[in-house]
Amino acid sequence: MTNFYLGQIGYGRGDLHAALAALTRNIAMLPPPSGSGRFDVFYAVLSRGWSAHPYSDLGDFAEGLALADEALRIAETTRNPVHLVSAYVGLGRLHLWRGDLRRAVEFGERGRAVEQVDDLGWVPMVAAVLGPALVMMGRVNEGLRLQEEALAVYETRQMKVYKSLHLVHLGEAYLQAGRAPDALARATEALDRARRWEERGFEAWALRLFGEIAATSESDDGSTAVTHYRQAMSLAEELGMRPLVAHCHLGLGRLYDRAGKRQEAQERLTTATTMYRDMDMRYWLEQVEAAGP
């Protein structure tokens, strides 16, 4: 139990390697199939499923998927709803970050189906996978509605765990829906909350959202967006968040291309391409090609 909560806390603080170290201690002690006791099985599944979160931010998708697959295999033998949703959310999160939207939606929908029957309190976690995936697939209103419902659950139940990241996802959905003021409000709330709770990884994602918002503003000459992207990238580099670093390079490349700064754009887009290819993030490679000068 202690290792599992240390893993959650480490991830929330952006200390991804410490989070994995704690979860890995559990995984080593509870190999699949673990003992017959329900307590052992619970932490065998959740420690594997939860490892998907730091692995996603680190860009270590192969290792994360291997453990999340193990979590699902155990959960399918127990048929325990919490075990199943934990595994579905972990797998969905990895596929979402990697850019395999079809698989992210598949596991998100499976998690939502279990949640709707058993009311486990996992609505926000499921929405954090399914909502962004739907938005990225162009089903913006559907994804936005799901995330707004999840925010209502956060507020009704006074939940605090990872709310900052949910606000970032919601802000991204508002931006895709053409509601920039709402996106900015959520980004501001996410950043303030992340800094207050010392959630440095979520702070980096919020800063990148500020960059995305500024990049769409007709009143900004690009300098504000550049500042936010660089702030997000600096923090992400410190924390080892390779996918986010690559996203910031992509954002900067797009900005420089629009400004006619061809050399700077090419340098940033080339770096993004290399990083995405190294992490096998094929969806994002297509985004770079679409942004290329």
C-alpha atoms as a PDB file:
ATOM      1  CA  MET A   1       0.000   0.000   0.000  1.00  0.00           C
ATOM      2  CA  THR A   2       2.815   2.394   0.866  1.00  0.00           C
ATOM      3  CA  ASN A   3       4.618   1.734  -2.394  1.00  0.00           C
ATOM      4  CA  PHE A   4       1.451   2.296  -4.391  1.00  0.00           C
ATOM      5  CA  TYR A   5       0.730   5.648  -2.766  1.00  0.00           C
ATOM      6  CA  LEU A   6       4.358   6.695  -3.139  1.00  0.00           C
ATOM      7  CA  GLY A   7       3.968   5.920  -6.834  1.00  0.00           C
ATOM      8  CA  GLN A   8       0.872   8.113  -7.067  1.00  0.00           C
ATOM      9  CA  ILE A   9       2.529  10.949  -5.159  1.00  0.00           C
ATOM     10  CA  GLY A  10       5.723  10.743  -7.193  1.00  0.00           C
ATOM     11  CA  TYR A  11       3.791  10.957 -10.421  1.00  0.00           C
ATOM     12  CA  GLY A  12       1.724  13.881  -9.160  1.00  0.00           C
ATOM     13  CA  ARG A  13       4.887  15.755  -8.211  1.00  0.00           C
ATOM     14  CA  GLY A  14       6.473  15.082 -11.592  1.00  0.00           C
ATOM     15  CA  ASP A  15       9.135  12.827 -10.056  1.00  0.00           C
ATOM     16  CA  LEU A  16       8.545  10.111 -12.626  1.00  0.00           C
ATOM     17  CA  HIS A  17      11.532   7.910 -11.822  1.00  0.00           C
ATOM     18  CA  ALA A  18      10.709   7.901  -8.114  1.00  0.00           C
ATOM     19  CA  ALA A  19       7.126   6.957  -8.977  1.00  0.00           C
ATOM     20  CA  LEU A  20       8.325   4.034 -11.074  1.00  0.00           C
ATOM     21  CA  ALA A  21      10.789   2.926  -8.426  1.00  0.00           C
ATOM     22  CA  ALA A  22       7.991   2.669  -5.854  1.00  0.00           C
ATOM     23  CA  LEU A  23       5.607   0.865  -8.210  1.00  0.00           C
ATOM     24  CA  THR A  24       8.359  -1.471  -9.406  1.00  0.00           C
ATOM     25  CA  ARG A  25       8.999  -2.570  -5.824  1.00  0.00           C
ATOM     26  CA  ASN A  26       5.407  -3.782  -5.695  1.00  0.00           C
ATOM     27  CA  ILE A  27       5.649  -5.424  -9.105  1.00  0.00           C
ATOM     28  CA  ALA A  28       8.764  -7.335  -8.008  1.00  0.00           C
ATOM     29  CA  MET A  29       7.034  -8.520  -4.839  1.00  0.00           C
ATOM     30  CA  LEU A  30       3.754  -9.426  -6.551  1.00  0.00           C
ATOM     31  CA  PRO A  31       4.540 -11.257  -9.791  1.00  0.00           C
ATOM     32  CA  PRO A  32       1.584 -12.466 -11.870  1.00  0.00           C
ATOM     33  CA  PRO A  33      -0.264 -14.458 -10.901  1.00  0.00           C
ATOM     34  CA  SER A  34       0.172 -13.218  -7.355  1.00  0.00           C
ATOM     35  CA  GLY A  35      -1.049 -14.931  -4.213  1.00  0.00           C
ATOM     36  CA  SER A  36      -4.630 -15.908  -3.662  1.00  0.00           C
ATOM     37  CA  GLY A  37      -5.295 -13.054  -1.263  1.00  0.00           C
ATOM     38  CA  ARG A  38      -7.419 -10.230  -2.635  1.00  0.00           C
ATOM     39  CA  PHE A  39      -5.101  -7.630  -1.107  1.00  0.00           C
ATOM     40  CA  ASP A  40      -2.127  -8.988  -3.035  1.00  0.00           C
ATOM     41  CA  VAL A  41      -4.020  -9.138  -6.317  1.00  0.00           C
ATOM     42  CA  PHE A  42      -5.344  -5.609  -5.876  1.00  0.00           C
ATOM     43  CA  TYR A  43      -1.881  -4.077  -5.642  1.00  0.00           C
ATOM     44  CA  ALA A  44      -0.439  -6.435  -8.259  1.00  0.00           C
ATOM     45  CA  VAL A  45      -2.952  -5.056 -10.763  1.00  0.00           C
ATOM     46  CA  LEU A  46      -2.994  -1.411  -9.712  1.00  0.00           C
ATOM     47  CA  SER A  47       0.781  -1.091  -9.476  1.00  0.00           C
ATOM     48  CA  ARG A  48       1.124  -2.364 -13.043  1.00  0.00           C
ATOM     49  CA  GLY A  49      -1.768  -0.292 -14.347  1.00  0.00           C
ATOM     50  CA  TRP A  50      -0.624   2.871 -12.628  1.00  0.00           C
ATOM     51  CA  SER A  51       2.892   2.548 -13.973  1.00  0.00           C
ATOM     52  CA  ALA A  52       1.377   3.530 -17.328  1.00  0.00           C
ATOM     53  CA  HIS A  53       1.162   7.137 -16.148  1.00  0.00           C
ATOM     54  CA  PRO A  54       4.878   7.812 -15.533  1.00  0.00           C
ATOM     55  CA  TYR A  55       5.862   5.614 -18.482  1.00  0.00           C
ATOM     56  CA  SER A  56       3.598   7.700 -20.740  1.00  0.00           C
ATOM     57  CA  ASP A  57       5.169  10.963 -19.670  1.00  0.00           C
ATOM     58  CA  LEU A  58       8.664   9.493 -20.055  1.00  0.00           C
ATOM     59  CA  GLY A  59       7.837   8.169 -23.528  1.00  0.00           C
ATOM     60  CA  ASP A  60       8.786   4.592 -22.573  1.00  0.00           C
ATOM     61  CA  PHE A  61       5.734   3.089 -24.239  1.00  0.00           C
ATOM     62  CA  ALA A  62       6.978  -0.472 -24.803  1.00  0.00           C
ATOM     63  CA  GLU A  63       7.781  -1.016 -21.132  1.00  0.00           C
ATOM     64  CA  GLY A  64       4.554   0.605 -20.017  1.00  0.00           C
ATOM     65  CA  LEU A  65       2.429  -1.464 -22.400  1.00  0.00           C
ATOM     66  CA  ALA A  66       4.066  -4.695 -21.260  1.00  0.00           C
ATOM     67  CA  LEU A  67       3.117  -4.016 -17.636  1.00  0.00           C
ATOM     68  CA  ALA A  68      -0.350  -2.714 -18.474  1.00  0.00           C
ATOM     69  CA  ASP A  69      -0.994  -5.858 -20.525  1.00  0.00           C
ATOM     70  CA  GLU A  70      -0.004  -7.912 -17.474  1.00  0.00           C
ATOM     71  CA  ALA A  71      -2.448  -5.881 -15.383  1.00  0.00           C
ATOM     72  CA  LEU A  72      -5.227  -6.636 -17.845  1.00  0.00           C
ATOM     73  CA  ARG A  73      -4.436 -10.364 -17.921  1.00  0.00           C
ATOM     74  CA  ILE A  74      -4.711 -10.532 -14.129  1.00  0.00           C
ATOM     75  CA  ALA A  75      -7.860  -8.399 -14.107  1.00  0.00           C
ATOM     76  CA  GLU A  76      -9.547 -10.625 -16.668  1.00  0.00           C
ATOM     77  CA  THR A  77      -9.093 -13.593 -14.334  1.00  0.00           C
ATOM     78  CA  THR A  78     -10.466 -11.796 -11.267  1.00  0.00           C
ATOM     79  CA  ARG A  79     -13.224  -9.887 -13.134  1.00  0.00           C
ATOM     80  CA  ASN A  80     -13.003  -7.322 -10.346  1.00  0.00           C
ATOM     81  CA  PRO A  81     -14.354  -3.993 -11.669  1.00  0.00           C
ATOM     82  CA  VAL A  82     -11.600  -1.911 -10.051  1.00  0.00           C
ATOM     83  CA  HIS A  83      -8.930  -4.198 -11.472  1.00  0.00           C
ATOM     84  CA  LEU A  84     -10.461  -3.952 -14.942  1.00  0.00           C
ATOM     85  CA  VAL A  85     -10.861  -0.172 -14.964  1.00  0.00           C
ATOM     86  CA  SER A  86      -7.326   0.311 -13.672  1.00  0.00           C
ATOM     87  CA  ALA A  87      -5.963  -1.810 -16.518  1.00  0.00           C
ATOM     88  CA  TYR A  88      -8.179  -0.153 -19.136  1.00  0.00           C
ATOM     89  CA  VAL A  89      -7.169   3.334 -18.016  1.00  0.00           C
ATOM     90  CA  GLY A  90      -3.489   2.414 -18.002  1.00  0.00           C
ATOM     91  CA  LEU A  91      -3.607   0.939 -21.494  1.00  0.00           C
ATOM     92  CA  GLY A  92      -5.730   3.787 -22.783  1.00  0.00           C
ATOM     93  CA  ARG A  93      -3.369   6.377 -21.367  1.00  0.00           C
ATOM     94  CA  LEU A  94      -0.340   4.807 -23.042  1.00  0.00           C
ATOM     95  CA  HIS A  95      -2.078   4.572 -26.412  1.00  0.00           C
ATOM     96  CA  LEU A  96      -3.350   8.160 -26.087  1.00  0.00           C
ATOM     97  CA  TRP A  97       0.076   9.617 -25.357  1.00  0.00           C
ATOM     98  CA  ARG A  98       1.590   7.532 -28.138  1.00  0.00           C
ATOM     99  CA  GLY A  99      -1.076   8.693 -30.575  1.00  0.00           C
ATOM    100  CA  ASP A 100      -2.893   5.422 -31.255  1.00  0.00           C
ATOM    101  CA  LEU A 101      -6.295   7.040 -30.914  1.00  0.00           C
ATOM    102  CA  ARG A 102      -8.342   4.025 -31.973  1.00  0.00           C
ATOM    103  CA  ARG A 103      -6.895   1.888 -29.183  1.00  0.00           C
ATOM    104  CA  ALA A 104      -7.190   4.753 -26.679  1.00  0.00           C
ATOM    105  CA  VAL A 105     -10.902   5.066 -27.468  1.00  0.00           C
ATOM    106  CA  GLU A 106     -11.336   1.289 -27.298  1.00  0.00           C
ATOM    107  CA  PHE A 107      -9.913   1.016 -23.796  1.00  0.00           C
ATOM    108  CA  GLY A 108     -11.580   4.242 -22.685  1.00  0.00           C
ATOM    109  CA  GLU A 109     -14.974   2.931 -23.769  1.00  0.00           C
ATOM    110  CA  ARG A 110     -14.369  -0.369 -21.993  1.00  0.00           C
ATOM    111  CA  GLY A 111     -13.483   1.503 -18.832  1.00  0.00           C
ATOM    112  CA  ARG A 112     -16.551   3.705 -19.103  1.00  0.00           C
ATOM    113  CA  ALA A 113     -18.795   0.648 -19.554  1.00  0.00           C
ATOM    114  CA  VAL A 114     -17.528  -0.860 -16.302  1.00  0.00           C
ATOM    115  CA  GLU A 115     -17.759   2.479 -14.487  1.00  0.00           C
ATOM    116  CA  GLN A 116     -21.357   3.013 -15.585  1.00  0.00           C
ATOM    117  CA  VAL A 117     -22.370  -0.324 -14.045  1.00  0.00           C
ATOM    118  CA  ASP A 118     -20.374  -0.202 -10.808  1.00  0.00           C
ATOM    119  CA  ASP A 119     -19.937   3.549 -10.043  1.00  0.00           C
ATOM    120  CA  LEU A 120     -16.370   3.137  -8.824  1.00  0.00           C
ATOM    121  CA  GLY A 121     -15.486   6.838  -8.761  1.00  0.00           C
ATOM    122  CA  TRP A 122     -13.161   6.461 -11.748  1.00  0.00           C
ATOM    123  CA  VAL A 123     -15.167   8.742 -14.079  1.00  0.00           C
ATOM    124  CA  PRO A 124     -12.441  11.453 -14.172  1.00  0.00           C
ATOM    125  CA  MET A 125      -9.687   8.918 -14.874  1.00  0.00           C
ATOM    126  CA  VAL A 126     -11.662   7.320 -17.693  1.00  0.00           C
ATOM    127  CA  ALA A 127     -12.544  10.741 -19.097  1.00  0.00           C
ATOM    128  CA  ALA A 128      -8.851  11.739 -19.050  1.00  0.00           C
ATOM    129  CA  VAL A 129      -8.258   8.972 -21.592  1.00  0.00           C
ATOM    130  CA  LEU A 130     -11.444   8.892 -23.626  1.00  0.00           C
ATOM    131  CA  GLY A 131     -12.162  12.637 -23.767  1.00  0.00           C
ATOM    132  CA  PRO A 132      -8.847  13.785 -25.301  1.00  0.00           C
ATOM    133  CA  ALA A 133      -8.824  10.829 -27.708  1.00  0.00           C
ATOM    134  CA  LEU A 134     -12.279  11.739 -29.022  1.00  0.00           C
ATOM    135  CA  VAL A 135     -11.264  15.386 -29.397  1.00  0.00           C
ATOM    136  CA  MET A 136      -8.120  14.456 -31.318  1.00  0.00           C
ATOM    137  CA  MET A 137     -10.198  12.233 -33.612  1.00  0.00           C
ATOM    138  CA  GLY A 138     -12.422  15.192 -34.473  1.00  0.00           C
ATOM    139  CA  ARG A 139     -15.333  14.192 -32.217  1.00  0.00           C
ATOM    140  CA  VAL A 140     -14.822  17.440 -30.329  1.00  0.00           C
ATOM    141  CA  ASN A 141     -18.294  18.008 -28.868  1.00  0.00           C
ATOM    142  CA  GLU A 142     -18.513  14.425 -27.628  1.00  0.00           C
ATOM    143  CA  GLY A 143     -15.087  14.556 -26.007  1.00  0.00           C
ATOM    144  CA  LEU A 144     -15.748  17.977 -24.511  1.00  0.00           C
ATOM    145  CA  ARG A 145     -19.064  16.903 -23.021  1.00  0.00           C
ATOM    146  CA  LEU A 146     -17.448  13.874 -21.404  1.00  0.00           C
ATOM    147  CA  GLN A 147     -14.733  15.995 -19.813  1.00  0.00           C
ATOM    148  CA  GLU A 148     -17.222  18.569 -18.546  1.00  0.00           C
ATOM    149  CA  GLU A 149     -19.163  15.730 -16.901  1.00  0.00           C
ATOM    150  CA  ALA A 150     -15.950  14.515 -15.292  1.00  0.00           C
ATOM    151  CA  LEU A 151     -15.197  17.990 -13.939  1.00  0.00           C
ATOM    152  CA  ALA A 152     -18.645  18.020 -12.341  1.00  0.00           C
ATOM    153  CA  VAL A 153     -17.752  14.730 -10.612  1.00  0.00           C
ATOM    154  CA  TYR A 154     -14.493  16.279  -9.370  1.00  0.00           C
ATOM    155  CA  GLU A 155     -16.407  19.178  -7.860  1.00  0.00           C
ATOM    156  CA  THR A 156     -19.376  17.227  -6.489  1.00  0.00           C
ATOM    157  CA  ARG A 157     -17.184  14.648  -4.783  1.00  0.00           C
ATOM    158  CA  GLN A 158     -14.480  17.190  -3.871  1.00  0.00           C
ATOM    159  CA  MET A 159     -11.845  15.056  -5.579  1.00  0.00           C
ATOM    160  CA  LYS A 160      -8.353  16.486  -5.887  1.00  0.00           C
ATOM    161  CA  VAL A 161      -6.225  13.718  -7.441  1.00  0.00           C
ATOM    162  CA  TYR A 162      -4.764  14.918 -10.743  1.00  0.00           C
ATOM    163  CA  LYS A 163      -7.445  17.562 -11.198  1.00  0.00           C
ATOM    164  CA  SER A 164      -4.816  19.920 -12.644  1.00  0.00           C
ATOM    165  CA  LEU A 165      -4.163  17.555 -15.540  1.00  0.00           C
ATOM    166  CA  HIS A 166      -7.876  17.144 -16.160  1.00  0.00           C
ATOM    167  CA  LEU A 167      -8.214  20.923 -16.398  1.00  0.00           C
ATOM    168  CA  VAL A 168      -5.442  20.929 -19.018  1.00  0.00           C
ATOM    169  CA  HIS A 169      -7.302  18.318 -21.069  1.00  0.00           C
ATOM    170  CA  LEU A 170     -10.506  20.303 -20.743  1.00  0.00           C
ATOM    171  CA  GLY A 171      -8.713  23.475 -21.842  1.00  0.00           C
ATOM    172  CA  GLU A 172      -7.357  21.642 -24.887  1.00  0.00           C
ATOM    173  CA  ALA A 173     -10.878  20.536 -25.769  1.00  0.00           C
ATOM    174  CA  TYR A 174     -12.215  24.087 -25.469  1.00  0.00           C
ATOM    175  CA  LEU A 175      -9.428  25.306 -27.736  1.00  0.00           C
ATOM    176  CA  GLN A 176     -10.319  22.716 -30.380  1.00  0.00           C
ATOM    177  CA  ALA A 177     -13.954  23.769 -30.076  1.00  0.00           C
ATOM    178  CA  GLY A 178     -13.001  27.371 -30.856  1.00  0.00           C
ATOM    179  CA  ARG A 179     -13.688  28.571 -27.311  1.00  0.00           C
ATOM    180  CA  ALA A 180     -10.361  30.260 -26.588  1.00  0.00           C
ATOM    181  CA  PRO A 181     -11.566  32.293 -23.540  1.00  0.00           C
ATOM    182  CA  ASP A 182     -12.801  29.105 -21.857  1.00  0.00           C
ATOM    183  CA  ALA A 183      -9.538  27.386 -22.745  1.00  0.00           C
ATOM    184  CA  LEU A 184      -7.567  30.231 -21.192  1.00  0.00           C
ATOM    185  CA  ALA A 185      -9.669  30.101 -18.020  1.00  0.00           C
ATOM    186  CA  ARG A 186      -9.009  26.401 -17.588  1.00  0.00           C
ATOM    187  CA  ALA A 187      -5.318  26.783 -18.384  1.00  0.00           C
ATOM    188  CA  THR A 188      -5.035  29.502 -15.737  1.00  0.00           C
ATOM    189  CA  GLU A 189      -6.840  27.368 -13.175  1.00  0.00           C
ATOM    190  CA  ALA A 190      -4.674  24.342 -14.034  1.00  0.00           C
ATOM    191  CA  LEU A 191      -1.422  26.287 -13.760  1.00  0.00           C
ATOM    192  CA  ASP A 192      -2.383  27.950 -10.480  1.00  0.00           C
ATOM    193  CA  ARG A 193      -3.461  24.640  -9.006  1.00  0.00           C
ATOM    194  CA  ALA A 194      -0.383  22.755 -10.235  1.00  0.00           C
ATOM    195  CA  ARG A 195       1.939  25.332  -8.728  1.00  0.00           C
ATOM    196  CA  ARG A 196       0.048  25.441  -5.457  1.00  0.00           C
ATOM    197  CA  TRP A 197       0.166  21.654  -5.102  1.00  0.00           C
ATOM    198  CA  GLU A 198       3.735  21.374  -6.490  1.00  0.00           C
ATOM    199  CA  GLU A 199       2.576  19.193  -9.398  1.00  0.00           C
ATOM    200  CA  ARG A 200       5.480  20.041 -11.667  1.00  0.00           C
ATOM    201  CA  GLY A 201       4.617  17.689 -14.505  1.00  0.00           C
ATOM    202  CA  PHE A 202       1.090  19.069 -14.714  1.00  0.00           C
ATOM    203  CA  GLU A 203       2.562  22.571 -14.545  1.00  0.00           C
ATOM    204  CA  ALA A 204       4.582  21.769 -17.679  1.00  0.00           C
ATOM    205  CA  TRP A 205       1.465  20.567 -19.521  1.00  0.00           C
ATOM    206  CA  ALA A 206      -0.414  23.718 -18.473  1.00  0.00           C
ATOM    207  CA  LEU A 207       2.397  25.928 -19.769  1.00  0.00           C
ATOM    208  CA  ARG A 208       2.306  24.143 -23.096  1.00  0.00           C
ATOM    209  CA  LEU A 209      -1.462  24.767 -23.244  1.00  0.00           C
ATOM    210  CA  PHE A 210      -0.795  28.479 -22.724  1.00  0.00           C
ATOM    211  CA  GLY A 211       1.531  28.276 -25.711  1.00  0.00           C
ATOM    212  CA  GLU A 212      -1.129  26.570 -27.822  1.00  0.00           C
ATOM    213  CA  ILE A 213      -3.698  29.205 -26.882  1.00  0.00           C
ATOM    214  CA  ALA A 214      -1.364  32.105 -27.616  1.00  0.00           C
ATOM    215  CA  ALA A 215      -0.415  30.528 -30.948  1.00  0.00           C
ATOM    216  CA  THR A 216      -4.044  30.808 -32.083  1.00  0.00           C
ATOM    217  CA  SER A 217      -4.468  34.424 -30.977  1.00  0.00           C
ATOM    218  CA  GLU A 218      -4.582  37.032 -33.724  1.00  0.00           C
ATOM    219  CA  SER A 219      -3.522  39.708 -31.229  1.00  0.00           C
ATOM    220  CA  ASP A 220      -0.276  37.927 -30.342  1.00  0.00           C
ATOM    221  CA  ASP A 221       2.819  38.345 -32.511  1.00  0.00           C
ATOM    222  CA  GLY A 222       4.045  34.912 -31.489  1.00  0.00           C
ATOM    223  CA  SER A 223       6.361  36.059 -28.724  1.00  0.00           C
ATOM    224  CA  THR A 224       3.984  35.072 -25.928  1.00  0.00           C
ATOM    225  CA  ALA A 225       3.503  31.616 -27.403  1.00  0.00           C
ATOM    226  CA  VAL A 226       7.263  31.170 -27.794  1.00  0.00           C
ATOM    227  CA  THR A 227       7.804  32.117 -24.148  1.00  0.00           C
ATOM    228  CA  HIS A 228       5.245  29.597 -22.912  1.00  0.00           C
ATOM    229  CA  TYR A 229       6.514  26.801 -25.150  1.00  0.00           C
ATOM    230  CA  ARG A 230      10.066  27.402 -23.936  1.00  0.00           C
ATOM    231  CA  GLN A 231       8.986  27.434 -20.298  1.00  0.00           C
ATOM    232  CA  ALA A 232       7.087  24.189 -20.766  1.00  0.00           C
ATOM    233  CA  MET A 233       9.991  22.601 -22.616  1.00  0.00           C
ATOM    234  CA  SER A 234      12.547  23.615 -19.994  1.00  0.00           C
ATOM    235  CA  LEU A 235      10.505  22.057 -17.204  1.00  0.00           C
ATOM    236  CA  ALA A 236       9.684  18.968 -19.290  1.00  0.00           C
ATOM    237  CA  GLU A 237      13.365  18.428 -20.091  1.00  0.00           C
ATOM    238  CA  GLU A 238      14.236  18.649 -16.402  1.00  0.00           C
ATOM    239  CA  LEU A 239      11.598  16.032 -15.566  1.00  0.00           C
ATOM    240  CA  GLY A 240      12.413  13.721 -18.479  1.00  0.00           C
ATOM    241  CA  MET A 241       9.027  14.194 -20.178  1.00  0.00           C
ATOM    242  CA  ARG A 242      10.139  13.410 -23.719  1.00  0.00           C
ATOM    243  CA  PRO A 243       6.727  13.448 -25.465  1.00  0.00           C
ATOM    244  CA  LEU A 244       5.994  16.894 -24.057  1.00  0.00           C
ATOM    245  CA  VAL A 245       9.429  18.159 -25.123  1.00  0.00           C
ATOM    246  CA  ALA A 246       8.711  16.936 -28.656  1.00  0.00           C
ATOM    247  CA  HIS A 247       5.276  18.627 -28.635  1.00  0.00           C
ATOM    248  CA  CYS A 248       6.923  21.922 -27.667  1.00  0.00           C
ATOM    249  CA  HIS A 249       9.403  21.613 -30.540  1.00  0.00           C
ATOM    250  CA  LEU A 250       6.454  20.989 -32.870  1.00  0.00           C
ATOM    251  CA  GLY A 251       4.609  24.043 -31.542  1.00  0.00           C
ATOM    252  CA  LEU A 252       7.669  26.236 -31.955  1.00  0.00           C
ATOM    253  CA  GLY A 253       8.262  24.873 -35.452  1.00  0.00           C
ATOM    254  CA  ARG A 254       4.742  25.784 -36.489  1.00  0.00           C
ATOM    255  CA  LEU A 255       5.128  29.273 -35.048  1.00  0.00           C
ATOM    256  CA  TYR A 256       8.434  29.938 -36.784  1.00  0.00           C
ATOM    257  CA  ASP A 257       7.063  28.618 -40.061  1.00  0.00           C
ATOM    258  CA  ARG A 258       4.117  31.024 -39.919  1.00  0.00           C
ATOM    259  CA  ALA A 259       6.529  33.867 -39.134  1.00  0.00           C
ATOM    260  CA  GLY A 260       8.601  32.999 -42.203  1.00  0.00           C
ATOM    261  CA  LYS A 261      11.598  31.909 -40.114  1.00  0.00           C
ATOM    262  CA  ARG A 262      12.370  28.880 -42.258  1.00  0.00           C
ATOM    263  CA  GLN A 263      15.663  27.836 -40.695  1.00  0.00           C
ATOM    264  CA  GLU A 264      14.369  28.016 -37.124  1.00  0.00           C
ATOM    265  CA  ALA A 265      11.215  26.166 -38.159  1.00  0.00           C
ATOM    266  CA  GLN A 266      13.180  23.404 -39.853  1.00  0.00           C
ATOM    267  CA  GLU A 267      15.441  22.932 -36.835  1.00  0.00           C
ATOM    268  CA  ARG A 268      12.507  22.577 -34.447  1.00  0.00           C
ATOM    269  CA  LEU A 269      10.506  20.293 -36.729  1.00  0.00           C
ATOM    270  CA  THR A 270      13.528  18.098 -37.375  1.00  0.00           C
ATOM    271  CA  THR A 271      14.059  17.695 -33.636  1.00  0.00           C
ATOM    272  CA  ALA A 272      10.382  16.858 -33.132  1.00  0.00           C
ATOM    273  CA  THR A 273      10.550  14.323 -35.962  1.00  0.00           C
ATOM    274  CA  THR A 274      13.587  12.611 -34.473  1.00  0.00           C
ATOM    275  CA  MET A 275      12.023  12.404 -31.030  1.00  0.00           C
ATOM    276  CA  TYR A 276       8.674  11.138 -32.276  1.00  0.00           C
ATOM    277  CA  ARG A 277      10.374   8.521 -34.411  1.00  0.00           C
ATOM    278  CA  ASP A 278      12.547   7.349 -31.502  1.00  0.00           C
ATOM    279  CA  MET A 279       9.412   6.904 -29.367  1.00  0.00           C
ATOM    280  CA  ASP A 280       7.392   5.385 -32.241  1.00  0.00           C
ATOM    281  CA  MET A 281       4.757   8.140 -31.994  1.00  0.00           C
ATOM    282  CA  ARG A 282       3.456   7.745 -35.548  1.00  0.00           C
ATOM    283  CA  TYR A 283       0.377   9.935 -35.233  1.00  0.00           C
ATOM    284  CA  TRP A 284       2.585  12.823 -34.180  1.00  0.00           C
ATOM    285  CA  LEU A 285       5.016  12.187 -37.014  1.00  0.00           C
ATOM    286  CA  GLU A 286       2.092  12.864 -39.350  1.00  0.00           C
ATOM    287  CA  GLN A 287       1.456  16.133 -37.527  1.00  0.00           C
ATOM    288  CA  VAL A 288       5.055  17.205 -38.152  1.00  0.00           C
ATOM    289  CA  GLU A 289       4.738  16.372 -41.835  1.00  0.00           C
ATOM    290  CA  ALA A 290       1.579  18.471 -42.039  1.00  0.00           C
ATOM    291  CA  ALA A 291       3.375  21.380 -40.340  1.00  0.00           C
ATOM    292  CA  GLY A 292       6.532  21.150 -42.440  1.00  0.00           C
ATOM    293  CA  PRO A 293       7.734  24.288 -44.214  1.00  0.00           C
END
